[in-house]
C-alpha atoms as a PDB file:
ATOM      1  CA  MET A   1      38.699  78.971  55.198  1.00  0.00           C
ATOM      2  CA  ALA A   2      41.372  80.733  53.127  1.00  0.00           C
ATOM      3  CA  ALA A   3      40.569  82.030  49.646  1.00  0.00           C
ATOM      4  CA  ASP A   4      42.606  79.265  47.974  1.00  0.00           C
ATOM      5  CA  GLU A   5      40.905  76.463  49.928  1.00  0.00           C
ATOM      6  CA  THR A   6      37.787  74.459  49.229  1.00  0.00           C
ATOM      7  CA  SER A   7      36.006  71.498  50.718  1.00  0.00           C
ATOM      8  CA  ILE A   8      34.979  68.188  49.227  1.00  0.00           C
ATOM      9  CA  LYS A   9      32.204  65.844  50.262  1.00  0.00           C
ATOM     10  CA  VAL A  10      32.869  62.159  50.706  1.00  0.00           C
ATOM     11  CA  SER A  11      30.995  59.410  52.473  1.00  0.00           C
ATOM     12  CA  ALA A  12      31.602  58.882  56.166  1.00  0.00           C
ATOM     13  CA  ALA A  13      33.256  55.568  55.302  1.00  0.00           C
ATOM     14  CA  ALA A  14      35.672  57.269  52.902  1.00  0.00           C
ATOM     15  CA  ARG A  15      36.435  59.964  55.482  1.00  0.00           C
ATOM     16  CA  ASP A  16      37.132  57.325  58.128  1.00  0.00           C
ATOM     17  CA  ARG A  17      39.396  55.397  55.789  1.00  0.00           C
ATOM     18  CA  LEU A  18      41.269  58.563  54.860  1.00  0.00           C
ATOM     19  CA  ALA A  19      41.700  59.305  58.564  1.00  0.00           C
ATOM     20  CA  ARG A  20      43.146  55.816  59.174  1.00  0.00           C
ATOM     21  CA  LEU A  21      45.481  56.125  56.184  1.00  0.00           C
ATOM     22  CA  ALA A  22      46.614  59.567  57.278  1.00  0.00           C
ATOM     23  CA  ALA A  23      47.291  58.356  60.819  1.00  0.00           C
ATOM     24  CA  GLU A  24      49.287  55.386  59.511  1.00  0.00           C
ATOM     25  CA  HIS A  25      51.394  57.772  57.423  1.00  0.00           C
ATOM     26  CA  GLY A  26      51.788  60.264  60.240  1.00  0.00           C
ATOM     27  CA  THR A  27      50.024  63.014  58.336  1.00  0.00           C
ATOM     28  CA  THR A  28      46.649  64.684  57.950  1.00  0.00           C
ATOM     29  CA  ILE A  29      43.792  63.896  55.594  1.00  0.00           C
ATOM     30  CA  ARG A  30      44.459  67.221  53.905  1.00  0.00           C
ATOM     31  CA  SER A  31      48.123  66.382  53.285  1.00  0.00           C
ATOM     32  CA  LEU A  32      47.229  62.864  52.155  1.00  0.00           C
ATOM     33  CA  VAL A  33      44.710  64.146  49.588  1.00  0.00           C
ATOM     34  CA  GLU A  34      47.027  66.918  48.396  1.00  0.00           C
ATOM     35  CA  GLU A  35      49.886  64.416  47.943  1.00  0.00           C
ATOM     36  CA  LEU A  36      47.587  62.112  45.967  1.00  0.00           C
ATOM     37  CA  ALA A  37      46.476  64.974  43.737  1.00  0.00           C
ATOM     38  CA  GLN A  38      50.049  66.117  43.084  1.00  0.00           C
ATOM     39  CA  SER A  39      51.637  62.698  42.624  1.00  0.00           C
ATOM     40  CA  THR A  40      49.026  60.936  40.478  1.00  0.00           C
ATOM     41  CA  PRO A  41      49.529  61.617  36.766  1.00  0.00           C
ATOM     42  CA  THR A  42      46.584  62.577  34.589  1.00  0.00           C
ATOM     43  CA  GLN A  43      45.890  60.646  31.386  1.00  0.00           C
ATOM     44  CA  ALA A  44      47.481  63.526  29.433  1.00  0.00           C
ATOM     45  CA  GLU A  45      50.607  63.287  31.598  1.00  0.00           C
ATOM     46  CA  TYR A  46      50.746  59.516  31.054  1.00  0.00           C
ATOM     47  CA  ALA A  47      50.467  60.126  27.299  1.00  0.00           C
ATOM     48  CA  GLU A  48      53.254  62.723  27.428  1.00  0.00           C
ATOM     49  CA  ARG A  49      55.491  60.296  29.339  1.00  0.00           C
ATOM     50  CA  ALA A  50      54.762  57.563  26.817  1.00  0.00           C
ATOM     51  CA  GLU A  51      55.672  59.856  23.923  1.00  0.00           C
ATOM     52  CA  LEU A  52      58.932  60.808  25.635  1.00  0.00           C
ATOM     53  CA  ALA A  53      59.692  57.122  26.239  1.00  0.00           C
ATOM     54  CA  ARG A  54      59.013  56.331  22.551  1.00  0.00           C
ATOM     55  CA  ALA A  55      61.331  59.152  21.487  1.00  0.00           C
ATOM     56  CA  GLU A  56      64.086  57.871  23.815  1.00  0.00           C
ATOM     57  CA  LEU A  57      63.687  54.316  22.519  1.00  0.00           C
ATOM     58  CA  THR A  58      63.689  55.514  18.926  1.00  0.00           C
ATOM     59  CA  SER A  59      66.859  57.505  19.599  1.00  0.00           C
ATOM     60  CA  ALA A  60      68.578  54.600  21.342  1.00  0.00           C
ATOM     61  CA  LEU A  61      67.393  51.793  19.054  1.00  0.00           C
ATOM     62  CA  GLY A  62      67.030  53.611  15.762  1.00  0.00           C
ATOM     63  CA  SER A  63      63.335  52.734  15.417  1.00  0.00           C
ATOM     64  CA  ALA A  64      60.134  53.091  17.376  1.00  0.00           C
ATOM     65  CA  PRO A  65      58.842  50.107  19.348  1.00  0.00           C
ATOM     66  CA  SER A  66      56.125  48.106  17.636  1.00  0.00           C
ATOM     67  CA  PRO A  67      52.556  48.191  18.945  1.00  0.00           C
ATOM     68  CA  GLU A  68      53.091  44.600  20.128  1.00  0.00           C
ATOM     69  CA  ALA A  69      56.208  45.593  22.093  1.00  0.00           C
ATOM     70  CA  GLU A  70      54.323  48.499  23.640  1.00  0.00           C
ATOM     71  CA  ALA A  71      51.459  46.178  24.634  1.00  0.00           C
ATOM     72  CA  LYS A  72      53.902  43.779  26.300  1.00  0.00           C
ATOM     73  CA  ALA A  73      55.600  46.646  28.140  1.00  0.00           C
ATOM     74  CA  ARG A  74      52.223  48.025  29.242  1.00  0.00           C
ATOM     75  CA  ALA A  75      51.154  44.594  30.567  1.00  0.00           C
ATOM     76  CA  LEU A  76      54.429  44.240  32.476  1.00  0.00           C
ATOM     77  CA  LEU A  77      54.080  47.705  34.003  1.00  0.00           C
ATOM     78  CA  GLU A  78      50.487  46.963  35.041  1.00  0.00           C
ATOM     79  CA  ARG A  79      51.643  43.754  36.762  1.00  0.00           C
ATOM     80  CA  LEU A  80      54.365  45.729  38.536  1.00  0.00           C
ATOM     81  CA  GLY A  81      51.952  48.504  39.504  1.00  0.00           C
ATOM     82  CA  GLY A  82      53.521  51.143  37.275  1.00  0.00           C
ATOM     83  CA  THR A  83      50.437  52.156  35.336  1.00  0.00           C
ATOM     84  CA  GLN A  84      46.716  52.159  35.710  1.00  0.00           C
ATOM     85  CA  PRO A  85      45.135  48.969  34.343  1.00  0.00           C
ATOM     86  CA  GLY A  86      43.696  49.532  30.916  1.00  0.00           C
ATOM     87  CA  SER A  87      45.481  52.809  30.266  1.00  0.00           C
ATOM     88  CA  LYS A  88      46.282  53.392  26.632  1.00  0.00           C
ATOM     89  CA  THR A  89      49.822  54.588  27.212  1.00  0.00           C
ATOM     90  CA  ALA A  90      53.043  52.965  28.278  1.00  0.00           C
ATOM     91  CA  ALA A  91      54.815  54.688  31.127  1.00  0.00           C
END
């Protein structure tokens, strides 16, 4: 194992599922997990994106969206699969 590598422990069922997913995507479990880690935003990254979106809307509209408008946008994004359910930020 290289110095910049590590291992993780998962259940046999999770390992088997990862193997099936990797095979379906024509990749390896390692690549699948690395892609997930790189492509899934953290809560801080979601918050940063939300702040940037608010700034863009404020610039374009002349005022920040209301909390009600943000809640509606968040609900729509959750239905469309754009955010994690229950997250406190709009994407």
